[in-house]
Amino acid sequence: MLSVNLEAKKTVDVMIEKVEELNIAISKLNNGATIIDCGVNVAGSLKAGEYYTKVCLGGLAEVGISIPGDLSEKFALPSVKIKTDFPAISTLGAQKAGWSVSVGDFFALGSGPARALAKKPAETYEEINYEDDADIAILTLESDNLPGGDVAEAIAKDCGVDVKNVTLLVAPTSSLVGSIQIAGRVVENGTYKMLEVLDFDVNKVKYAAGIAPIAPIDLDGLKAMGKTNDAVLFGGRTYYYIQSAEGDDIKALADNLPSSAADGYGKPFFDVFKEAEFDFYKIDKGMFAPAEVVINDLRTGELFKAGYVNVDLLKKSFGL
């Protein structure tokens, strides 16, 4: 079985080779762990955002940036494009922000292939029937601060690897790389909702692609979180190729998958987040989904489309 950590390492190696070109910074902790700063003390770059997103996806997806990405005749933004032949593994087995890394005063949302070693959370790996046994651990951290040696040690322990084999990539939400990697979750938002909300077997999703606009950078972390989520919820377009089985209602799946199918739909994410007292767990999980969904049922040949790009809400979120 493919190793998401070993596949991601191919991209990490390229990032290390092109550190100046990518406007990132590489450092070694005293314990030997590698830190790749993609936006905390450096500016990062568009290409660094592409690479970072590919690492999040365990190296099992193609990532690119389209300039511009048309959302309507009157509104266009650079957009992240994702294509993967391993949707369940790349998005839920790697990219999903399923690891809350909390060590001392440090906290970050952890995404990427190291999750498959630590099985964070374990039920996800049971449901997609995947595991990784690599001797290296690569994790991306959404944080305003760089982690110290204690964080690397804790991650190494959970992953069952030597701390010298730990690589941590870090980017704040309020950075260029942060905006890019969150737009790059457009496909993952759909597979997440299929599994967590609609109880659909995501192993039936054989191929997937998606595109979402890159939210404007906002130095206020909470506002940046709102804008980056809105880029997917109101501007993300996804395409799933599903090998259905007898009894699967793919039309119902498509109808219930877009963000507009959720009860809380209709406000910028920052407003919803504020009303929930900035507690993610108080927000309807169904909101975390792409704006528009197209599903091709490979068994019947049928095509289903649901949802829509909401340019008005995007403009409101982005301050236009």
C-alpha atoms as a PDB file:
ATOM      1  CA  MET A   1       0.000   0.000   0.000  1.00  0.00           C
ATOM      2  CA  LEU A   2       1.208   3.519  -0.766  1.00  0.00           C
ATOM      3  CA  SER A   3       2.847   5.404   2.088  1.00  0.00           C
ATOM      4  CA  VAL A   4       1.566   8.976   2.396  1.00  0.00           C
ATOM      5  CA  ASN A   5       4.659   9.907   4.405  1.00  0.00           C
ATOM      6  CA  LEU A   6       7.104   8.565   1.818  1.00  0.00           C
ATOM      7  CA  GLU A   7       5.128  10.120  -1.035  1.00  0.00           C
ATOM      8  CA  ALA A   8       4.999  13.498   0.741  1.00  0.00           C
ATOM      9  CA  LYS A   9       8.746  13.338   1.402  1.00  0.00           C
ATOM     10  CA  LYS A  10       9.353  13.699  -2.352  1.00  0.00           C
ATOM     11  CA  THR A  11       7.741  17.145  -2.215  1.00  0.00           C
ATOM     12  CA  VAL A  12       9.447  18.064   1.070  1.00  0.00           C
ATOM     13  CA  ASP A  13      12.822  17.274  -0.508  1.00  0.00           C
ATOM     14  CA  VAL A  14      12.053  19.660  -3.373  1.00  0.00           C
ATOM     15  CA  MET A  15      11.078  22.385  -0.899  1.00  0.00           C
ATOM     16  CA  ILE A  16      14.379  21.978   0.938  1.00  0.00           C
ATOM     17  CA  GLU A  17      16.301  22.217  -2.336  1.00  0.00           C
ATOM     18  CA  LYS A  18      14.438  25.397  -3.380  1.00  0.00           C
ATOM     19  CA  VAL A  19      14.288  27.196  -0.041  1.00  0.00           C
ATOM     20  CA  GLU A  20      15.378  30.622  -1.365  1.00  0.00           C
ATOM     21  CA  GLU A  21      13.221  30.408  -4.471  1.00  0.00           C
ATOM     22  CA  LEU A  22      10.172  29.537  -2.357  1.00  0.00           C
ATOM     23  CA  ASN A  23      10.895  32.242   0.243  1.00  0.00           C
ATOM     24  CA  ILE A  24      10.679  29.765   3.099  1.00  0.00           C
ATOM     25  CA  ALA A  25      13.100  28.892   5.932  1.00  0.00           C
ATOM     26  CA  ILE A  26      14.502  25.551   7.063  1.00  0.00           C
ATOM     27  CA  SER A  27      15.878  24.918  10.554  1.00  0.00           C
ATOM     28  CA  LYS A  28      16.953  21.971  12.685  1.00  0.00           C
ATOM     29  CA  LEU A  29      15.951  21.651  16.321  1.00  0.00           C
ATOM     30  CA  ASN A  30      18.494  20.427  18.868  1.00  0.00           C
ATOM     31  CA  ASN A  31      16.855  17.001  18.826  1.00  0.00           C
ATOM     32  CA  GLY A  32      17.272  16.729  15.043  1.00  0.00           C
ATOM     33  CA  ALA A  33      13.688  17.416  13.953  1.00  0.00           C
ATOM     34  CA  THR A  34      13.294  19.599  10.850  1.00  0.00           C
ATOM     35  CA  ILE A  35      11.119  22.733  10.832  1.00  0.00           C
ATOM     36  CA  ILE A  36       9.989  24.292   7.549  1.00  0.00           C
ATOM     37  CA  ASP A  37       8.655  27.801   8.120  1.00  0.00           C
ATOM     38  CA  CYS A  38       6.239  28.705   5.327  1.00  0.00           C
ATOM     39  CA  GLY A  39       4.760  31.896   6.759  1.00  0.00           C
ATOM     40  CA  VAL A  40       5.547  32.579  10.422  1.00  0.00           C
ATOM     41  CA  ASN A  41       8.785  34.544  10.024  1.00  0.00           C
ATOM     42  CA  VAL A  42       8.903  34.481   6.227  1.00  0.00           C
ATOM     43  CA  ALA A  43       6.535  35.593   3.470  1.00  0.00           C
ATOM     44  CA  GLY A  44       6.264  32.287   1.629  1.00  0.00           C
ATOM     45  CA  SER A  45       5.202  32.209  -2.020  1.00  0.00           C
ATOM     46  CA  LEU A  46       2.557  30.919  -4.403  1.00  0.00           C
ATOM     47  CA  LYS A  47       4.694  27.904  -5.276  1.00  0.00           C
ATOM     48  CA  ALA A  48       5.358  27.195  -1.602  1.00  0.00           C
ATOM     49  CA  GLY A  49       1.586  27.136  -1.130  1.00  0.00           C
ATOM     50  CA  GLU A  50       1.237  24.547  -3.889  1.00  0.00           C
ATOM     51  CA  TYR A  51       3.941  22.343  -2.363  1.00  0.00           C
ATOM     52  CA  TYR A  52       2.573  22.731   1.173  1.00  0.00           C
ATOM     53  CA  THR A  53      -0.892  21.687  -0.023  1.00  0.00           C
ATOM     54  CA  LYS A  54       0.534  18.661  -1.828  1.00  0.00           C
ATOM     55  CA  VAL A  55       2.318  17.618   1.364  1.00  0.00           C
ATOM     56  CA  CYS A  56      -0.991  17.951   3.247  1.00  0.00           C
ATOM     57  CA  LEU A  57      -2.479  15.547   0.687  1.00  0.00           C
ATOM     58  CA  GLY A  58       0.218  12.982   1.341  1.00  0.00           C
ATOM     59  CA  GLY A  59       1.785  13.548  -2.070  1.00  0.00           C
ATOM     60  CA  LEU A  60      -1.149  11.742  -3.689  1.00  0.00           C
ATOM     61  CA  ALA A  61      -2.644  14.671  -5.590  1.00  0.00           C
ATOM     62  CA  GLU A  62      -1.746  17.198  -8.230  1.00  0.00           C
ATOM     63  CA  VAL A  63      -1.944  20.800  -7.008  1.00  0.00           C
ATOM     64  CA  GLY A  64      -1.853  23.912  -9.152  1.00  0.00           C
ATOM     65  CA  ILE A  65      -2.902  27.551  -9.180  1.00  0.00           C
ATOM     66  CA  SER A  66      -5.088  28.977 -11.906  1.00  0.00           C
ATOM     67  CA  ILE A  67      -4.823  32.723 -12.520  1.00  0.00           C
ATOM     68  CA  PRO A  68      -7.530  33.842 -12.713  1.00  0.00           C
ATOM     69  CA  GLY A  69     -10.174  31.356 -11.582  1.00  0.00           C
ATOM     70  CA  ASP A  70     -13.505  32.582 -12.907  1.00  0.00           C
ATOM     71  CA  LEU A  71     -16.448  32.454 -10.515  1.00  0.00           C
ATOM     72  CA  SER A  72     -18.622  34.674 -12.705  1.00  0.00           C
ATOM     73  CA  GLU A  73     -18.164  37.072 -15.577  1.00  0.00           C
ATOM     74  CA  LYS A  74     -17.664  39.931 -13.132  1.00  0.00           C
ATOM     75  CA  PHE A  75     -15.626  38.282 -10.378  1.00  0.00           C
ATOM     76  CA  ALA A  76     -12.399  36.321 -10.645  1.00  0.00           C
ATOM     77  CA  LEU A  77      -9.669  35.297  -8.214  1.00  0.00           C
ATOM     78  CA  PRO A  78      -6.564  33.105  -8.377  1.00  0.00           C
ATOM     79  CA  SER A  79      -7.718  29.610  -7.471  1.00  0.00           C
ATOM     80  CA  VAL A  80      -6.257  26.337  -6.231  1.00  0.00           C
ATOM     81  CA  LYS A  81      -6.877  23.242  -8.357  1.00  0.00           C
ATOM     82  CA  ILE A  82      -6.769  19.716  -6.907  1.00  0.00           C
ATOM     83  CA  LYS A  83      -6.793  16.373  -8.747  1.00  0.00           C
ATOM     84  CA  THR A  84      -6.436  13.005  -7.037  1.00  0.00           C
ATOM     85  CA  ASP A  85      -6.797   9.333  -7.926  1.00  0.00           C
ATOM     86  CA  PHE A  86      -6.755   8.438  -4.207  1.00  0.00           C
ATOM     87  CA  PRO A  87      -9.521  10.629  -2.738  1.00  0.00           C
ATOM     88  CA  ALA A  88     -10.140   8.829   0.554  1.00  0.00           C
ATOM     89  CA  ILE A  89      -6.472   8.346   1.449  1.00  0.00           C
ATOM     90  CA  SER A  90      -5.209  11.739   0.303  1.00  0.00           C
ATOM     91  CA  THR A  91      -7.982  13.842   1.834  1.00  0.00           C
ATOM     92  CA  LEU A  92      -9.122  11.927   4.922  1.00  0.00           C
ATOM     93  CA  GLY A  93      -6.024   9.804   5.507  1.00  0.00           C
ATOM     94  CA  ALA A  94      -3.705  12.806   5.252  1.00  0.00           C
ATOM     95  CA  GLN A  95      -5.151  16.282   4.600  1.00  0.00           C
ATOM     96  CA  LYS A  96      -7.948  16.325   7.166  1.00  0.00           C
ATOM     97  CA  ALA A  97      -7.133  18.606  10.121  1.00  0.00           C
ATOM     98  CA  GLY A  98      -7.683  15.708  12.484  1.00  0.00           C
ATOM     99  CA  TRP A  99      -4.877  16.220  14.983  1.00  0.00           C
ATOM    100  CA  SER A 100      -5.097  18.911  17.652  1.00  0.00           C
ATOM    101  CA  VAL A 101      -1.446  19.280  18.615  1.00  0.00           C
ATOM    102  CA  SER A 102      -1.259  20.724  22.121  1.00  0.00           C
ATOM    103  CA  VAL A 103       2.055  20.662  24.002  1.00  0.00           C
ATOM    104  CA  GLY A 104       2.704  23.156  26.779  1.00  0.00           C
ATOM    105  CA  ASP A 105       1.775  26.601  25.467  1.00  0.00           C
ATOM    106  CA  PHE A 106       1.878  25.469  21.838  1.00  0.00           C
ATOM    107  CA  PHE A 107      -1.312  24.632  19.945  1.00  0.00           C
ATOM    108  CA  ALA A 108      -1.892  23.933  16.272  1.00  0.00           C
ATOM    109  CA  LEU A 109      -4.241  22.085  13.972  1.00  0.00           C
ATOM    110  CA  GLY A 110      -2.259  19.210  12.506  1.00  0.00           C
ATOM    111  CA  SER A 111      -2.800  17.919   8.980  1.00  0.00           C
ATOM    112  CA  GLY A 112      -0.857  15.681   6.682  1.00  0.00           C
ATOM    113  CA  PRO A 113       0.633  12.218   6.457  1.00  0.00           C
ATOM    114  CA  ALA A 114       1.946  11.827  10.019  1.00  0.00           C
ATOM    115  CA  ARG A 115      -1.678  11.477  11.100  1.00  0.00           C
ATOM    116  CA  ALA A 116      -1.711   8.057   9.433  1.00  0.00           C
ATOM    117  CA  LEU A 117       1.079   6.886  11.738  1.00  0.00           C
ATOM    118  CA  ALA A 118      -0.488   8.264  14.913  1.00  0.00           C
ATOM    119  CA  LYS A 119      -4.000   7.383  13.674  1.00  0.00           C
ATOM    120  CA  LYS A 120      -5.514  10.720  14.561  1.00  0.00           C
ATOM    121  CA  PRO A 121      -8.396   9.984  14.765  1.00  0.00           C
ATOM    122  CA  ALA A 122      -8.326   6.178  14.752  1.00  0.00           C
ATOM    123  CA  GLU A 123     -11.895   5.750  13.488  1.00  0.00           C
ATOM    124  CA  THR A 124     -11.094   7.597  10.262  1.00  0.00           C
ATOM    125  CA  TYR A 125      -8.431   5.033   9.366  1.00  0.00           C
ATOM    126  CA  GLU A 126     -10.743   2.174  10.220  1.00  0.00           C
ATOM    127  CA  GLU A 127     -13.426   3.593   7.940  1.00  0.00           C
ATOM    128  CA  ILE A 128     -11.096   4.148   4.973  1.00  0.00           C
ATOM    129  CA  ASN A 129      -9.132   0.945   5.690  1.00  0.00           C
ATOM    130  CA  TYR A 130      -5.719   2.575   5.535  1.00  0.00           C
ATOM    131  CA  GLU A 131      -2.528   2.548   7.561  1.00  0.00           C
ATOM    132  CA  ASP A 132       1.058   3.680   7.034  1.00  0.00           C
ATOM    133  CA  ASP A 133       4.182   2.128   8.562  1.00  0.00           C
ATOM    134  CA  ALA A 134       6.844   4.571   7.332  1.00  0.00           C
ATOM    135  CA  ASP A 135       9.782   5.389   9.602  1.00  0.00           C
ATOM    136  CA  ILE A 136       9.441   9.123   8.899  1.00  0.00           C
ATOM    137  CA  ALA A 137       6.680  11.490  10.024  1.00  0.00           C
ATOM    138  CA  ILE A 138       5.660  14.640   8.137  1.00  0.00           C
ATOM    139  CA  LEU A 139       3.039  16.943   9.613  1.00  0.00           C
ATOM    140  CA  THR A 140       1.741  20.379   8.615  1.00  0.00           C
ATOM    141  CA  LEU A 141       0.775  22.753  11.402  1.00  0.00           C
ATOM    142  CA  GLU A 142      -1.642  25.665  11.108  1.00  0.00           C
ATOM    143  CA  SER A 143      -0.128  28.019  13.681  1.00  0.00           C
ATOM    144  CA  ASP A 144       1.195  31.534  14.221  1.00  0.00           C
ATOM    145  CA  ASN A 145       4.226  30.114  16.040  1.00  0.00           C
ATOM    146  CA  LEU A 146       7.017  27.684  15.287  1.00  0.00           C
ATOM    147  CA  PRO A 147       7.088  24.526  17.442  1.00  0.00           C
ATOM    148  CA  GLY A 148       9.914  23.664  19.789  1.00  0.00           C
ATOM    149  CA  GLY A 149      11.683  20.424  20.548  1.00  0.00           C
ATOM    150  CA  ASP A 150       9.016  19.283  23.021  1.00  0.00           C
ATOM    151  CA  VAL A 151       6.380  19.427  20.272  1.00  0.00           C
ATOM    152  CA  ALA A 152       8.543  17.400  17.895  1.00  0.00           C
ATOM    153  CA  GLU A 153       9.235  14.849  20.642  1.00  0.00           C
ATOM    154  CA  ALA A 154       5.531  14.428  21.373  1.00  0.00           C
ATOM    155  CA  ILE A 155       4.711  13.976  17.690  1.00  0.00           C
ATOM    156  CA  ALA A 156       7.552  11.471  17.256  1.00  0.00           C
ATOM    157  CA  LYS A 157       6.286   9.448  20.215  1.00  0.00           C
ATOM    158  CA  ASP A 158       2.720   9.325  18.888  1.00  0.00           C
ATOM    159  CA  CYS A 159       3.965   8.331  15.436  1.00  0.00           C
ATOM    160  CA  GLY A 160       6.425   5.728  16.705  1.00  0.00           C
ATOM    161  CA  VAL A 161       9.429   7.222  14.904  1.00  0.00           C
ATOM    162  CA  ASP A 162      12.786   8.716  15.867  1.00  0.00           C
ATOM    163  CA  VAL A 163      12.438  12.457  16.448  1.00  0.00           C
ATOM    164  CA  LYS A 164      15.252  12.994  13.914  1.00  0.00           C
ATOM    165  CA  ASN A 165      12.823  11.681  11.293  1.00  0.00           C
ATOM    166  CA  VAL A 166      10.137  14.249  12.070  1.00  0.00           C
ATOM    167  CA  THR A 167       9.515  17.136   9.666  1.00  0.00           C
ATOM    168  CA  LEU A 168       7.051  19.879  10.604  1.00  0.00           C
ATOM    169  CA  LEU A 169       5.804  22.445   8.087  1.00  0.00           C
ATOM    170  CA  VAL A 170       4.201  25.546   9.608  1.00  0.00           C
ATOM    171  CA  ALA A 171       1.978  28.258   8.123  1.00  0.00           C
ATOM    172  CA  PRO A 172      -0.436  30.659   9.859  1.00  0.00           C
ATOM    173  CA  THR A 173      -4.002  31.007   8.599  1.00  0.00           C
ATOM    174  CA  SER A 174      -3.175  34.695   8.039  1.00  0.00           C
ATOM    175  CA  SER A 175      -0.487  34.027   5.421  1.00  0.00           C
ATOM    176  CA  LEU A 176      -0.320  33.422   1.690  1.00  0.00           C
ATOM    177  CA  VAL A 177       0.511  29.744   2.146  1.00  0.00           C
ATOM    178  CA  GLY A 178      -2.267  29.502   4.731  1.00  0.00           C
ATOM    179  CA  SER A 179      -4.854  30.882   2.313  1.00  0.00           C
ATOM    180  CA  ILE A 180      -3.688  28.541  -0.430  1.00  0.00           C
ATOM    181  CA  GLN A 181      -3.673  25.361   1.650  1.00  0.00           C
ATOM    182  CA  ILE A 182      -7.174  26.005   2.999  1.00  0.00           C
ATOM    183  CA  ALA A 183      -8.557  26.610  -0.507  1.00  0.00           C
ATOM    184  CA  GLY A 184      -6.825  23.331  -1.351  1.00  0.00           C
ATOM    185  CA  ARG A 185      -9.180  21.535   1.044  1.00  0.00           C
ATOM    186  CA  VAL A 186     -12.067  21.910  -1.401  1.00  0.00           C
ATOM    187  CA  VAL A 187     -12.154  18.201  -2.305  1.00  0.00           C
ATOM    188  CA  GLU A 188     -11.533  17.131   1.303  1.00  0.00           C
ATOM    189  CA  ASN A 189     -14.499  19.144   2.558  1.00  0.00           C
ATOM    190  CA  GLY A 190     -16.741  17.036   0.346  1.00  0.00           C
ATOM    191  CA  THR A 191     -15.270  13.666   1.335  1.00  0.00           C
ATOM    192  CA  TYR A 192     -15.372  14.737   4.986  1.00  0.00           C
ATOM    193  CA  LYS A 193     -19.093  15.525   4.754  1.00  0.00           C
ATOM    194  CA  MET A 194     -19.797  12.288   2.879  1.00  0.00           C
ATOM    195  CA  LEU A 195     -18.229  10.276   5.698  1.00  0.00           C
ATOM    196  CA  GLU A 196     -18.943  12.290   8.836  1.00  0.00           C
ATOM    197  CA  VAL A 197     -22.379  13.721   8.071  1.00  0.00           C
ATOM    198  CA  LEU A 198     -23.980  11.632   5.311  1.00  0.00           C
ATOM    199  CA  ASP A 199     -22.516   8.262   6.404  1.00  0.00           C
ATOM    200  CA  PHE A 200     -21.407   7.351   2.886  1.00  0.00           C
ATOM    201  CA  ASP A 201     -18.593   4.886   2.174  1.00  0.00           C
ATOM    202  CA  VAL A 202     -15.887   7.173   0.781  1.00  0.00           C
ATOM    203  CA  ASN A 203     -13.912   4.196  -0.521  1.00  0.00           C
ATOM    204  CA  LYS A 204     -16.433   4.236  -3.376  1.00  0.00           C
ATOM    205  CA  VAL A 205     -15.067   7.635  -4.468  1.00  0.00           C
ATOM    206  CA  LYS A 206     -12.502   6.587  -7.066  1.00  0.00           C
ATOM    207  CA  TYR A 207     -11.325   9.952  -8.453  1.00  0.00           C
ATOM    208  CA  ALA A 208     -11.920  13.552  -7.482  1.00  0.00           C
ATOM    209  CA  ALA A 209     -11.061  17.075  -8.535  1.00  0.00           C
ATOM    210  CA  GLY A 210     -11.880  20.535  -7.293  1.00  0.00           C
ATOM    211  CA  ILE A 211     -11.129  24.230  -7.517  1.00  0.00           C
ATOM    212  CA  ALA A 212     -11.558  27.047  -4.997  1.00  0.00           C
ATOM    213  CA  PRO A 213     -10.550  30.725  -4.923  1.00  0.00           C
ATOM    214  CA  ILE A 214      -7.646  31.832  -2.740  1.00  0.00           C
ATOM    215  CA  ALA A 215      -9.015  34.108  -0.032  1.00  0.00           C
ATOM    216  CA  PRO A 216      -7.375  37.514   0.406  1.00  0.00           C
ATOM    217  CA  ILE A 217      -4.800  37.534   3.205  1.00  0.00           C
ATOM    218  CA  ASP A 218      -6.046  39.065   6.447  1.00  0.00           C
ATOM    219  CA  LEU A 219      -3.555  39.596   9.273  1.00  0.00           C
ATOM    220  CA  ASP A 220      -6.340  39.121  11.828  1.00  0.00           C
ATOM    221  CA  GLY A 221      -6.249  35.360  12.421  1.00  0.00           C
ATOM    222  CA  LEU A 222      -9.962  34.965  13.188  1.00  0.00           C
ATOM    223  CA  LYS A 223     -11.028  37.015  10.179  1.00  0.00           C
ATOM    224  CA  ALA A 224      -8.573  35.073   8.038  1.00  0.00           C
ATOM    225  CA  MET A 225     -10.165  31.851   9.238  1.00  0.00           C
ATOM    226  CA  GLY A 226     -13.562  33.189   8.169  1.00  0.00           C
ATOM    227  CA  LYS A 227     -12.434  34.280   4.716  1.00  0.00           C
ATOM    228  CA  THR A 228     -10.480  31.116   3.967  1.00  0.00           C
ATOM    229  CA  ASN A 229     -13.409  28.893   4.929  1.00  0.00           C
ATOM    230  CA  ASP A 230     -15.793  31.020   2.865  1.00  0.00           C
ATOM    231  CA  ALA A 231     -13.574  30.530  -0.183  1.00  0.00           C
ATOM    232  CA  VAL A 232     -14.558  26.844  -0.137  1.00  0.00           C
ATOM    233  CA  LEU A 233     -18.092  27.103   1.287  1.00  0.00           C
ATOM    234  CA  PHE A 234     -19.214  29.732  -1.220  1.00  0.00           C
ATOM    235  CA  GLY A 235     -16.706  29.398  -4.067  1.00  0.00           C
ATOM    236  CA  GLY A 236     -15.507  25.786  -4.121  1.00  0.00           C
ATOM    237  CA  ARG A 237     -16.452  23.542  -7.044  1.00  0.00           C
ATOM    238  CA  THR A 238     -15.888  19.782  -6.831  1.00  0.00           C
ATOM    239  CA  TYR A 239     -16.158  16.716  -9.051  1.00  0.00           C
ATOM    240  CA  TYR A 240     -16.429  13.181  -7.706  1.00  0.00           C
ATOM    241  CA  TYR A 241     -16.401   9.897  -9.639  1.00  0.00           C
ATOM    242  CA  ILE A 242     -18.206   7.295  -7.538  1.00  0.00           C
ATOM    243  CA  GLN A 243     -18.453   3.540  -8.040  1.00  0.00           C
ATOM    244  CA  SER A 244     -21.888   3.072  -6.497  1.00  0.00           C
ATOM    245  CA  ALA A 245     -23.493  -0.148  -5.349  1.00  0.00           C
ATOM    246  CA  GLU A 246     -27.090  -1.315  -5.654  1.00  0.00           C
ATOM    247  CA  GLY A 247     -29.166   0.685  -3.204  1.00  0.00           C
ATOM    248  CA  ASP A 248     -26.928   3.770  -3.137  1.00  0.00           C
ATOM    249  CA  ASP A 249     -28.951   6.935  -3.734  1.00  0.00           C
ATOM    250  CA  ILE A 250     -26.331   9.064  -5.474  1.00  0.00           C
ATOM    251  CA  LYS A 251     -28.828  11.800  -6.356  1.00  0.00           C
ATOM    252  CA  ALA A 252     -29.665  12.235  -2.662  1.00  0.00           C
ATOM    253  CA  LEU A 253     -25.955  12.233  -1.852  1.00  0.00           C
ATOM    254  CA  ALA A 254     -25.357  15.020  -4.368  1.00  0.00           C
ATOM    255  CA  ASP A 255     -28.359  17.029  -3.185  1.00  0.00           C
ATOM    256  CA  ASN A 256     -27.226  16.936   0.448  1.00  0.00           C
ATOM    257  CA  LEU A 257     -23.507  17.431  -0.114  1.00  0.00           C
ATOM    258  CA  PRO A 258     -23.085  21.178  -0.927  1.00  0.00           C
ATOM    259  CA  SER A 259     -22.684  23.749   1.847  1.00  0.00           C
ATOM    260  CA  SER A 260     -26.026  25.311   0.851  1.00  0.00           C
ATOM    261  CA  ALA A 261     -27.800  22.141   2.062  1.00  0.00           C
ATOM    262  CA  ALA A 262     -26.813  22.901   5.686  1.00  0.00           C
ATOM    263  CA  ASP A 263     -29.232  24.607   8.070  1.00  0.00           C
ATOM    264  CA  GLY A 264     -26.730  27.297   9.039  1.00  0.00           C
ATOM    265  CA  TYR A 265     -26.012  28.369   5.465  1.00  0.00           C
ATOM    266  CA  GLY A 266     -26.411  32.018   4.474  1.00  0.00           C
ATOM    267  CA  LYS A 267     -23.872  34.020   6.473  1.00  0.00           C
ATOM    268  CA  PRO A 268     -20.113  34.539   6.185  1.00  0.00           C
ATOM    269  CA  PHE A 269     -18.275  31.962   8.266  1.00  0.00           C
ATOM    270  CA  PHE A 270     -16.798  34.581  10.615  1.00  0.00           C
ATOM    271  CA  ASP A 271     -20.327  35.629  11.648  1.00  0.00           C
ATOM    272  CA  VAL A 272     -21.352  32.009  12.228  1.00  0.00           C
ATOM    273  CA  PHE A 273     -18.135  31.354  14.154  1.00  0.00           C
ATOM    274  CA  LYS A 274     -18.679  34.414  16.328  1.00  0.00           C
ATOM    275  CA  GLU A 275     -22.256  33.364  17.116  1.00  0.00           C
ATOM    276  CA  ALA A 276     -20.860  29.964  18.142  1.00  0.00           C
ATOM    277  CA  GLU A 277     -18.502  31.763  20.577  1.00  0.00           C
ATOM    278  CA  PHE A 278     -15.578  30.735  18.358  1.00  0.00           C
ATOM    279  CA  ASP A 279     -16.204  27.069  19.142  1.00  0.00           C
ATOM    280  CA  PHE A 280     -16.000  24.832  16.042  1.00  0.00           C
ATOM    281  CA  TYR A 281     -17.942  22.094  17.814  1.00  0.00           C
ATOM    282  CA  LYS A 282     -21.041  24.318  18.047  1.00  0.00           C
ATOM    283  CA  ILE A 283     -21.182  24.730  14.262  1.00  0.00           C
ATOM    284  CA  ASP A 284     -23.227  22.419  12.032  1.00  0.00           C
ATOM    285  CA  LYS A 285     -20.748  19.950  10.485  1.00  0.00           C
ATOM    286  CA  GLY A 286     -22.788  20.077   7.288  1.00  0.00           C
ATOM    287  CA  MET A 287     -21.567  23.596   6.615  1.00  0.00           C
ATOM    288  CA  PHE A 288     -18.024  22.366   5.967  1.00  0.00           C
ATOM    289  CA  ALA A 289     -18.583  21.462   2.341  1.00  0.00           C
ATOM    290  CA  PRO A 290     -17.908  22.821  -1.149  1.00  0.00           C
ATOM    291  CA  ALA A 291     -20.334  25.246  -2.756  1.00  0.00           C
ATOM    292  CA  GLU A 292     -20.975  23.201  -5.879  1.00  0.00           C
ATOM    293  CA  VAL A 293     -20.862  19.439  -6.406  1.00  0.00           C
ATOM    294  CA  VAL A 294     -20.904  17.296  -9.537  1.00  0.00           C
ATOM    295  CA  ILE A 295     -21.028  13.500  -9.147  1.00  0.00           C
ATOM    296  CA  ASN A 296     -20.552  10.962 -11.930  1.00  0.00           C
ATOM    297  CA  ASP A 297     -21.989   7.566 -10.951  1.00  0.00           C
ATOM    298  CA  LEU A 298     -19.588   5.116 -12.610  1.00  0.00           C
ATOM    299  CA  ARG A 299     -22.015   2.206 -12.277  1.00  0.00           C
ATOM    300  CA  THR A 300     -24.954   3.856 -14.063  1.00  0.00           C
ATOM    301  CA  GLY A 301     -23.210   6.594 -16.019  1.00  0.00           C
ATOM    302  CA  GLU A 302     -25.544   9.207 -14.508  1.00  0.00           C
ATOM    303  CA  LEU A 303     -24.374  12.724 -13.687  1.00  0.00           C
ATOM    304  CA  PHE A 304     -25.734  14.745 -10.786  1.00  0.00           C
ATOM    305  CA  LYS A 305     -25.133  18.414  -9.992  1.00  0.00           C
ATOM    306  CA  ALA A 306     -26.115  20.325  -6.851  1.00  0.00           C
ATOM    307  CA  GLY A 307     -25.276  23.567  -5.091  1.00  0.00           C
ATOM    308  CA  TYR A 308     -23.992  26.814  -6.537  1.00  0.00           C
ATOM    309  CA  VAL A 309     -21.238  29.386  -6.276  1.00  0.00           C
ATOM    310  CA  ASN A 310     -22.487  32.280  -4.146  1.00  0.00           C
ATOM    311  CA  VAL A 311     -20.620  35.311  -5.451  1.00  0.00           C
ATOM    312  CA  ASP A 312     -22.605  37.740  -3.272  1.00  0.00           C
ATOM    313  CA  LEU A 313     -21.575  36.008  -0.039  1.00  0.00           C
ATOM    314  CA  LEU A 314     -17.979  35.725  -1.234  1.00  0.00           C
ATOM    315  CA  LYS A 315     -17.869  39.457  -1.926  1.00  0.00           C
ATOM    316  CA  LYS A 316     -19.385  40.199   1.467  1.00  0.00           C
ATOM    317  CA  SER A 317     -16.848  37.966   3.191  1.00  0.00           C
ATOM    318  CA  PHE A 318     -13.918  39.431   1.281  1.00  0.00           C
ATOM    319  CA  GLY A 319     -15.045  43.033   1.865  1.00  0.00           C
ATOM    320  CA  LEU A 320     -16.042  43.954  -1.688  1.00  0.00           C
END
